Structure formats: structure tokens, C-alpha cells
Amino acid sequence: MPMSPTNPPLLTRKELDAQFGGAARAWLDEALAEAEHSATHQDAEQSGGPYAAPSWELRYAAAGRHCGLEHADSVRALLLVEARAALPALTRLYEQGTAAERRAVLLTLHRLDLGPTALPVVEDALRTNDTRLIAAAVGPYAATHLDPHSWRHAILKCLFTGVPVDAVDGLAGRARGDAELARMLGDFAAERVAAGRSVPTDLTRVLELTTPGAAAPTEES
């Protein structure tokens, strides 16, 4: 199981254009135009007849091949936003996608007007042991919508799988003064020690944040 880095920032269209060659830029132009068309004609396309995947969803799957694996997250995020992807499309792309395609869905949830309806996607990712998905699942969407019980277990999942807690959006604010999280962290640490295993450094860091009135870390710390 590979260690997961924290989530890299998603690039803007302008930043992508500056790095793409002509073929990739042309492909992205066409893909975004198709996504925009789908967003504009959503009601008409969804009425009647058997379901046929809109062309932008096929582009979503092909993003890495045409724009480079290193830019696939950013390209897929742009497509989701441009298409104003609703929950059925997101769920379909997540359930039928590769790990990379699922990761892009998770990274983009907070940019879409979904409310808490996409929580099942986040919860599914947190049940996996794929560190890439777990890191993506604890981003801004989870910080806003996960209930306290689920959020605490997401922290423990990060510690258990080795996902750096730097990936957890809003960590300091949500952990501050959380006595139940502190108890859970203490139990987790005790279990590790009893089993002769090391306690993750990140656990101590999160435990310190649970202190009432704990200061948020500065950029230098």
C-alpha cells in the first residue's frame, strides 16, 4: 500500500494552457465545450429514452491519456465544474471509474452545488485502504459536511493508513476542544503500544490540537 502525499492543488485552465502543447489544449477546448453543452441541455438530455453517457463523461475517463497523468486531476475537475455535474453523474463516474477517476471526483466535490448529498461517495472512499482516495476524501467537502462521529473516524483512518493529516482540511478548527477525539486518539495510541507498534507522529500533533483554546498552527510551524 503506497504512502499518500497530501493533495496537490488543482490547476486552473490558464495554468494548464501554459503547460500544454497544442494537441492537449485543443482536446481540452473540445472537452470543456462538450461539458458546457451538457450543462446547458441537461433537462433535455435526461428526458426519455435509454441512458447514454454524455460525451464529456467519456472525455473524463480519457483525460490522462490526452493531457498527461500529472494533469488528469485538474482536467477532470474542470470538466465536472463546467458540466455542473449532478449527484447521479458523480456517483456513476465514481462507481465505474478507476482509482484515479474516483480521486478526481472526491477532489472536486466542494466546487459543486451538492450540499451533503455526496456524503455516500466520501464514506465509501473512507472505507477503502487506498491512501490516494482517503487523502482526497478528507478535503474541504468532508470538513464541511461530515458529522462529528464520521469525521473523527476519518482522522483515525488517516492515522491507521499513514495518510498525512496535512491532507485533512480544517483539521485545527474541527479538532480544537474535541474531548471525544482526544479520547479516541488516546485509545488508539494505547492499542498501538500494547501491540508493540509505534505511535504515528501525526497522532501527537492532532492530540495537541484537541486542547481547548489550542492555537492554529502557523505557516512556519
Protein backbone atom coordinates (compact mmCIF):
# COMPACT_ATOMS: atom_id res chain seq x y z
CA MET A 1 0.00 0.00 0.00
CA PRO A 2 1.73 3.20 -1.13
CA MET A 3 2.09 6.17 1.13
CA SER A 4 -0.10 9.05 0.11
CA PRO A 5 1.06 12.61 -0.33
CA THR A 6 -1.20 15.44 0.65
CA ASN A 7 -3.49 16.55 -2.13
CA PRO A 8 -1.76 18.74 -4.73
CA PRO A 9 -3.55 21.93 -5.76
CA LEU A 10 -5.80 21.67 -8.80
CA LEU A 11 -4.55 23.82 -11.65
CA THR A 12 -6.70 26.44 -13.35
CA ARG A 13 -7.46 26.44 -17.05
CA LYS A 14 -4.92 29.22 -17.58
CA GLU A 15 -2.22 27.28 -15.72
CA LEU A 16 -2.96 24.15 -17.73
CA ASP A 17 -2.83 26.03 -21.04
CA ALA A 18 0.61 27.33 -20.12
CA GLN A 19 1.88 23.75 -19.72
CA PHE A 20 0.05 22.04 -22.58
CA GLY A 21 1.12 21.57 -26.15
CA GLY A 22 -1.25 22.39 -28.97
CA ALA A 23 -2.86 18.94 -29.16
CA ALA A 24 -3.68 18.83 -25.46
CA ARG A 25 -5.07 22.38 -25.49
CA ALA A 26 -7.28 21.57 -28.47
CA TRP A 27 -8.52 18.41 -26.81
CA LEU A 28 -9.35 20.30 -23.61
CA ASP A 29 -11.14 23.03 -25.57
CA GLU A 30 -13.39 20.43 -27.17
CA ALA A 31 -13.94 18.56 -23.91
CA LEU A 32 -14.96 21.67 -21.99
CA ALA A 33 -17.25 22.77 -24.82
CA GLU A 34 -18.99 19.40 -24.63
CA ALA A 35 -19.30 19.70 -20.85
CA GLU A 36 -20.75 23.19 -21.15
CA HIS A 37 -23.24 21.99 -23.76
CA SER A 38 -24.29 19.16 -21.45
CA ALA A 39 -24.83 21.57 -18.56
CA THR A 40 -26.96 23.84 -20.74
CA HIS A 41 -29.08 21.00 -22.12
CA GLN A 42 -29.23 18.75 -19.07
CA ASP A 43 -33.01 18.59 -18.81
CA ALA A 44 -33.48 17.80 -22.48
CA GLU A 45 -30.79 15.14 -22.49
CA GLN A 46 -32.15 13.40 -19.40
CA SER A 47 -35.77 13.19 -20.59
CA GLY A 48 -36.99 9.96 -22.12
CA GLY A 49 -35.20 7.07 -23.79
CA PRO A 50 -32.42 4.83 -22.52
CA TYR A 51 -29.48 6.44 -20.78
CA ALA A 52 -26.48 7.29 -22.93
CA ALA A 53 -23.38 8.74 -21.31
CA PRO A 54 -22.80 12.33 -22.47
CA SER A 55 -19.60 12.80 -24.40
CA TRP A 56 -17.93 14.79 -21.64
CA GLU A 57 -18.09 11.73 -19.35
CA LEU A 58 -16.13 9.77 -21.93
CA ARG A 59 -13.65 12.65 -22.04
CA TYR A 60 -13.40 12.46 -18.26
CA ALA A 61 -12.14 8.90 -18.47
CA ALA A 62 -9.67 9.79 -21.25
CA ALA A 63 -8.15 12.88 -19.58
CA GLY A 64 -4.91 11.24 -18.53
CA ARG A 65 -4.26 9.81 -21.98
CA HIS A 66 -4.71 13.15 -23.75
CA CYS A 67 -3.45 15.65 -21.16
CA GLY A 68 -0.93 13.65 -19.16
CA LEU A 69 -1.39 11.71 -15.94
CA GLU A 70 0.10 14.55 -13.90
CA HIS A 71 -2.67 16.89 -15.07
CA ALA A 72 -5.58 14.45 -15.07
CA ASP A 73 -6.99 15.55 -11.69
CA SER A 74 -7.10 19.18 -12.78
CA VAL A 75 -8.63 18.42 -16.18
CA ARG A 76 -11.28 16.16 -14.67
CA ALA A 77 -12.14 18.78 -12.06
CA LEU A 78 -12.62 21.39 -14.79
CA LEU A 79 -14.93 19.03 -16.67
CA LEU A 80 -17.04 18.33 -13.59
CA VAL A 81 -17.41 22.03 -12.83
CA GLU A 82 -18.11 23.01 -16.44
CA ALA A 83 -20.77 20.29 -16.74
CA ARG A 84 -22.27 21.30 -13.39
CA ALA A 85 -22.20 17.60 -12.62
CA ALA A 86 -25.15 16.47 -10.52
CA LEU A 87 -25.11 13.64 -8.00
CA PRO A 88 -26.17 10.88 -10.45
CA ALA A 89 -23.28 11.68 -12.80
CA LEU A 90 -20.77 11.97 -9.95
CA THR A 91 -21.90 8.69 -8.45
CA ARG A 92 -21.69 6.98 -11.83
CA LEU A 93 -18.21 8.32 -12.54
CA TYR A 94 -17.07 7.31 -9.06
CA GLU A 95 -18.55 3.82 -9.06
CA GLN A 96 -17.47 2.96 -12.60
CA GLY A 97 -14.12 4.76 -12.57
CA THR A 98 -10.56 3.80 -11.90
CA ALA A 99 -8.91 4.89 -8.66
CA ALA A 100 -7.59 7.99 -10.43
CA GLU A 101 -11.06 8.88 -11.74
CA ARG A 102 -12.56 8.37 -8.28
CA ARG A 103 -9.91 10.57 -6.74
CA ALA A 104 -10.80 13.43 -9.09
CA VAL A 105 -14.47 13.18 -8.13
CA LEU A 106 -13.55 13.44 -4.45
CA LEU A 107 -11.22 16.39 -5.03
CA THR A 108 -13.96 18.35 -6.83
CA LEU A 109 -16.99 17.80 -4.58
CA HIS A 110 -16.60 21.11 -2.76
CA ARG A 111 -16.69 23.01 -6.07
CA LEU A 112 -20.15 21.73 -6.94
CA ASP A 113 -23.57 22.68 -5.56
CA LEU A 114 -24.31 19.39 -3.84
CA GLY A 115 -24.96 20.14 -0.18
CA PRO A 116 -24.47 16.96 1.88
CA THR A 117 -25.90 14.67 -0.82
CA ALA A 118 -22.49 13.35 -1.93
CA LEU A 119 -21.52 12.10 1.53
CA PRO A 120 -22.03 8.44 0.48
CA VAL A 121 -19.17 8.88 -2.01
CA VAL A 122 -16.89 10.24 0.72
CA GLU A 123 -17.92 7.50 3.13
CA ASP A 124 -17.18 4.84 0.52
CA ALA A 125 -13.69 6.23 -0.05
CA LEU A 126 -13.03 6.23 3.69
CA ARG A 127 -13.92 2.53 3.86
CA THR A 128 -11.13 1.69 1.45
CA ASN A 129 -7.45 1.29 2.20
CA ASP A 130 -6.43 3.26 -0.89
CA THR A 131 -4.43 6.13 0.56
CA ARG A 132 -4.98 8.26 -2.55
CA LEU A 133 -8.74 8.07 -2.08
CA ILE A 134 -8.61 8.60 1.67
CA ALA A 135 -6.47 11.73 1.28
CA ALA A 136 -8.87 13.11 -1.32
CA ALA A 137 -11.91 12.23 0.79
CA VAL A 138 -10.84 14.36 3.77
CA GLY A 139 -10.74 17.60 1.78
CA PRO A 140 -12.97 20.68 2.05
CA TYR A 141 -16.20 18.81 1.31
CA ALA A 142 -15.69 16.45 4.25
CA ALA A 143 -14.66 19.34 6.50
CA THR A 144 -17.99 21.00 5.81
CA HIS A 145 -20.38 18.05 5.69
CA LEU A 146 -19.08 15.06 7.67
CA ASP A 147 -20.78 14.77 11.05
CA PRO A 148 -18.51 14.76 14.13
CA HIS A 149 -18.61 10.98 14.61
CA SER A 150 -17.70 10.23 10.99
CA TRP A 151 -15.08 12.98 10.91
CA ARG A 152 -13.31 11.58 13.98
CA HIS A 153 -13.21 8.14 12.41
CA ALA A 154 -11.81 9.71 9.23
CA ILE A 155 -8.93 11.09 11.31
CA LEU A 156 -8.26 7.66 12.76
CA LYS A 157 -8.36 6.16 9.27
CA CYS A 158 -5.69 8.61 8.16
CA LEU A 159 -3.50 7.68 11.12
CA PHE A 160 -4.05 3.96 10.58
CA THR A 161 -3.24 4.03 6.87
CA GLY A 162 -0.39 6.54 7.01
CA VAL A 163 -2.16 9.39 5.22
CA PRO A 164 -0.55 12.63 6.47
CA VAL A 165 -3.01 14.70 8.48
CA ASP A 166 -1.92 17.68 6.38
CA ALA A 167 -4.42 16.27 3.88
CA VAL A 168 -7.30 16.90 6.33
CA ASP A 169 -8.95 20.19 5.50
CA GLY A 170 -9.98 22.30 8.50
CA LEU A 171 -8.20 19.98 10.94
CA ALA A 172 -7.24 22.57 13.55
CA GLY A 173 -10.67 24.17 13.68
CA ARG A 174 -12.63 20.94 13.99
CA ALA A 175 -10.21 19.22 16.39
CA ARG A 176 -9.93 22.12 18.81
CA GLY A 177 -11.54 21.27 22.14
CA ASP A 178 -12.84 17.89 20.89
CA ALA A 179 -12.63 15.76 24.02
CA GLU A 180 -14.13 12.73 22.29
CA LEU A 181 -11.49 12.84 19.58
CA ALA A 182 -8.82 13.12 22.26
CA ARG A 183 -10.22 10.01 23.97
CA MET A 184 -10.27 8.07 20.70
CA LEU A 185 -6.70 9.11 19.92
CA GLY A 186 -5.58 8.01 23.38
CA ASP A 187 -7.24 4.61 22.94
CA PHE A 188 -5.66 4.22 19.51
CA ALA A 189 -2.22 5.07 20.87
CA ALA A 190 -2.64 2.63 23.77
CA GLU A 191 -3.62 -0.15 21.37
CA ARG A 192 -0.53 0.51 19.25
CA VAL A 193 1.78 0.46 22.27
CA ALA A 194 0.18 -2.74 23.60
CA ALA A 195 0.74 -4.38 20.22
CA GLY A 196 4.39 -3.31 20.20
CA ARG A 197 3.84 -0.89 17.33
CA SER A 198 4.98 2.71 17.06
CA VAL A 199 2.58 5.61 17.56
CA PRO A 200 2.34 7.86 14.48
CA THR A 201 3.90 11.28 14.95
CA ASP A 202 0.77 12.82 13.47
CA LEU A 203 -1.28 11.38 16.35
CA THR A 204 0.57 13.53 18.86
CA ARG A 205 0.09 16.53 16.63
CA VAL A 206 -3.68 16.02 16.40
CA LEU A 207 -3.93 15.28 20.12
CA GLU A 208 -2.30 18.64 20.88
CA LEU A 209 -4.90 20.33 18.67
CA THR A 210 -7.74 18.89 20.76
CA THR A 211 -6.70 21.01 23.73
CA PRO A 212 -9.35 23.69 24.35
CA GLY A 213 -8.07 27.01 23.06
CA ALA A 214 -5.21 25.41 21.14
CA ALA A 215 -3.75 27.83 18.64
CA ALA A 216 -3.98 27.00 14.96
CA PRO A 217 -0.56 26.17 13.50
CA THR A 218 1.20 28.95 11.66
CA GLU A 219 2.75 28.53 8.22
CA GLU A 220 6.19 28.46 9.81
CA SER A 221 5.34 25.74 12.33
